[in-house]
Protein backbone atom coordinates (compact mmCIF):
# COMPACT_ATOMS: atom_id res chain seq x y z
CA MET A 1 -158.22 -154.58 143.35
CA LYS A 2 -159.06 -158.40 144.31
CA PHE A 3 -157.04 -159.91 140.86
CA THR A 4 -154.31 -157.50 141.72
CA LEU A 5 -154.21 -158.98 145.63
CA ARG A 6 -154.36 -162.18 144.33
CA THR A 7 -151.73 -162.07 141.61
CA ALA A 8 -149.52 -160.31 144.24
CA ALA A 9 -149.55 -163.24 146.80
CA PHE A 10 -149.88 -165.97 143.70
CA SER A 11 -146.49 -164.48 142.51
CA ALA A 12 -144.82 -164.40 146.26
CA LEU A 13 -145.72 -167.60 146.94
CA LEU A 14 -144.15 -169.03 143.79
CA ILE A 15 -140.70 -167.15 144.32
CA MET A 16 -140.78 -168.14 147.92
CA PHE A 17 -141.36 -171.72 147.03
CA GLY A 18 -138.69 -171.27 144.01
CA THR A 19 -136.29 -169.98 146.59
CA ALA A 20 -136.43 -172.67 148.87
CA GLN A 21 -136.42 -175.72 146.56
CA ALA A 22 -132.75 -174.08 144.79
CA GLY A 23 -131.20 -173.57 147.93
CA GLY A 24 -131.35 -177.34 149.56
CA ASP A 25 -131.79 -178.61 152.49
CA ALA A 26 -128.67 -179.03 154.65
CA SER A 27 -129.58 -181.42 157.23
CA ALA A 28 -129.99 -183.91 153.91
CA GLY A 29 -126.52 -182.52 152.41
CA LYS A 30 -124.88 -183.39 155.29
CA ALA A 31 -125.52 -187.45 155.48
CA LYS A 32 -124.51 -187.40 151.96
CA ALA A 33 -121.23 -185.34 152.96
CA ASP A 34 -119.42 -188.30 154.71
CA ALA A 35 -117.85 -189.40 151.23
CA CYS A 36 -116.08 -185.84 151.22
CA ALA A 37 -114.98 -185.78 154.91
CA GLY A 38 -111.58 -188.34 153.88
CA CYS A 39 -110.44 -185.72 151.77
CA HIS A 40 -111.93 -182.12 152.50
CA GLY A 41 -112.18 -182.74 156.32
CA ALA A 42 -115.26 -183.68 159.23
CA ASN A 43 -116.39 -180.31 158.82
CA GLY A 44 -115.48 -179.79 155.18
CA GLU A 45 -112.06 -177.61 156.54
CA GLY A 46 -109.63 -178.64 154.19
CA LYS A 47 -107.14 -180.85 154.29
CA ASP A 48 -103.60 -180.14 152.23
CA PRO A 49 -103.66 -180.70 149.61
CA TYR A 50 -107.39 -180.46 149.38
CA ALA A 51 -109.89 -177.73 149.04
CA PRO A 52 -111.64 -176.48 151.87
CA LEU A 53 -115.62 -176.43 151.50
CA ALA A 54 -117.23 -174.57 154.42
CA GLY A 55 -118.86 -171.66 153.44
CA LYS A 56 -118.13 -172.24 149.85
CA PRO A 57 -121.41 -170.67 147.92
CA VAL A 58 -123.63 -172.72 146.78
CA ASP A 59 -123.72 -171.97 143.23
CA GLU A 60 -120.05 -172.38 143.14
CA PHE A 61 -119.84 -175.76 144.52
CA VAL A 62 -122.83 -177.02 142.29
CA GLN A 63 -121.10 -175.83 139.37
CA ALA A 64 -117.76 -177.53 140.48
CA MET A 65 -120.01 -180.63 140.74
CA LYS A 66 -121.39 -180.27 137.25
CA ASP A 67 -117.60 -179.93 135.99
CA TYR A 68 -116.53 -183.27 137.61
CA LYS A 69 -119.54 -185.05 136.24
CA SER A 70 -118.86 -183.50 132.59
CA GLY A 71 -114.99 -183.93 132.59
CA LYS A 72 -114.79 -180.50 132.32
CA ARG A 73 -112.63 -180.59 135.55
CA LYS A 74 -110.04 -183.72 135.69
CA ASN A 75 -110.17 -185.29 138.77
CA ALA A 76 -111.20 -189.28 138.56
CA ILE A 77 -111.77 -189.45 141.88
CA MET A 78 -114.18 -186.44 142.23
CA LYS A 79 -115.75 -187.50 139.06
CA ALA A 80 -116.69 -191.08 140.64
CA LEU A 81 -118.14 -189.09 142.95
CA ALA A 82 -119.95 -186.20 141.75
CA SER A 83 -121.92 -188.95 139.63
CA LYS A 84 -123.35 -190.85 142.22
CA LEU A 85 -125.36 -187.97 143.43
CA SER A 86 -128.40 -186.24 141.79
CA GLU A 87 -128.95 -182.90 141.22
CA GLU A 88 -131.00 -182.75 144.66
CA ASP A 89 -128.09 -184.62 146.19
CA THR A 90 -125.95 -181.60 145.13
CA ALA A 91 -127.92 -179.06 146.14
CA ASN A 92 -128.22 -180.91 149.43
CA VAL A 93 -124.60 -180.87 149.83
CA ALA A 94 -124.16 -177.28 148.74
CA ALA A 95 -126.46 -176.15 151.09
CA TYR A 96 -125.06 -178.03 153.98
CA TYR A 97 -121.01 -177.12 153.27
CA ALA A 98 -122.50 -173.17 152.60
CA SER A 99 -124.03 -173.48 156.01
CA LEU A 100 -120.54 -174.13 157.98
CA LYS A 101 -117.87 -171.45 158.30
CA GLY A 102 -115.59 -171.39 156.19
CA ARG A 103 -111.83 -170.17 157.08
């Protein structure tokens, strides 16, 4: 009984820790998102012809940034900006934009 309880508690802690790490820190992301504002708006609302980022799901944002870094998506400006961000920075910026209300 004690072993099962300890195992369940430990598993729950691992799940919670893993979720928190994967989610990113929106407040840290806000500080890094300044470079995005020129094209995507101060609050990620989007400015023609640039896409809105507010409300964008974290996984979609992260994948787009990976695609810009790798060259799968072609845009020299985005490649340069994405290349400056670490994986943690990217997760934080993604969390920030996901926390904003989209259109």
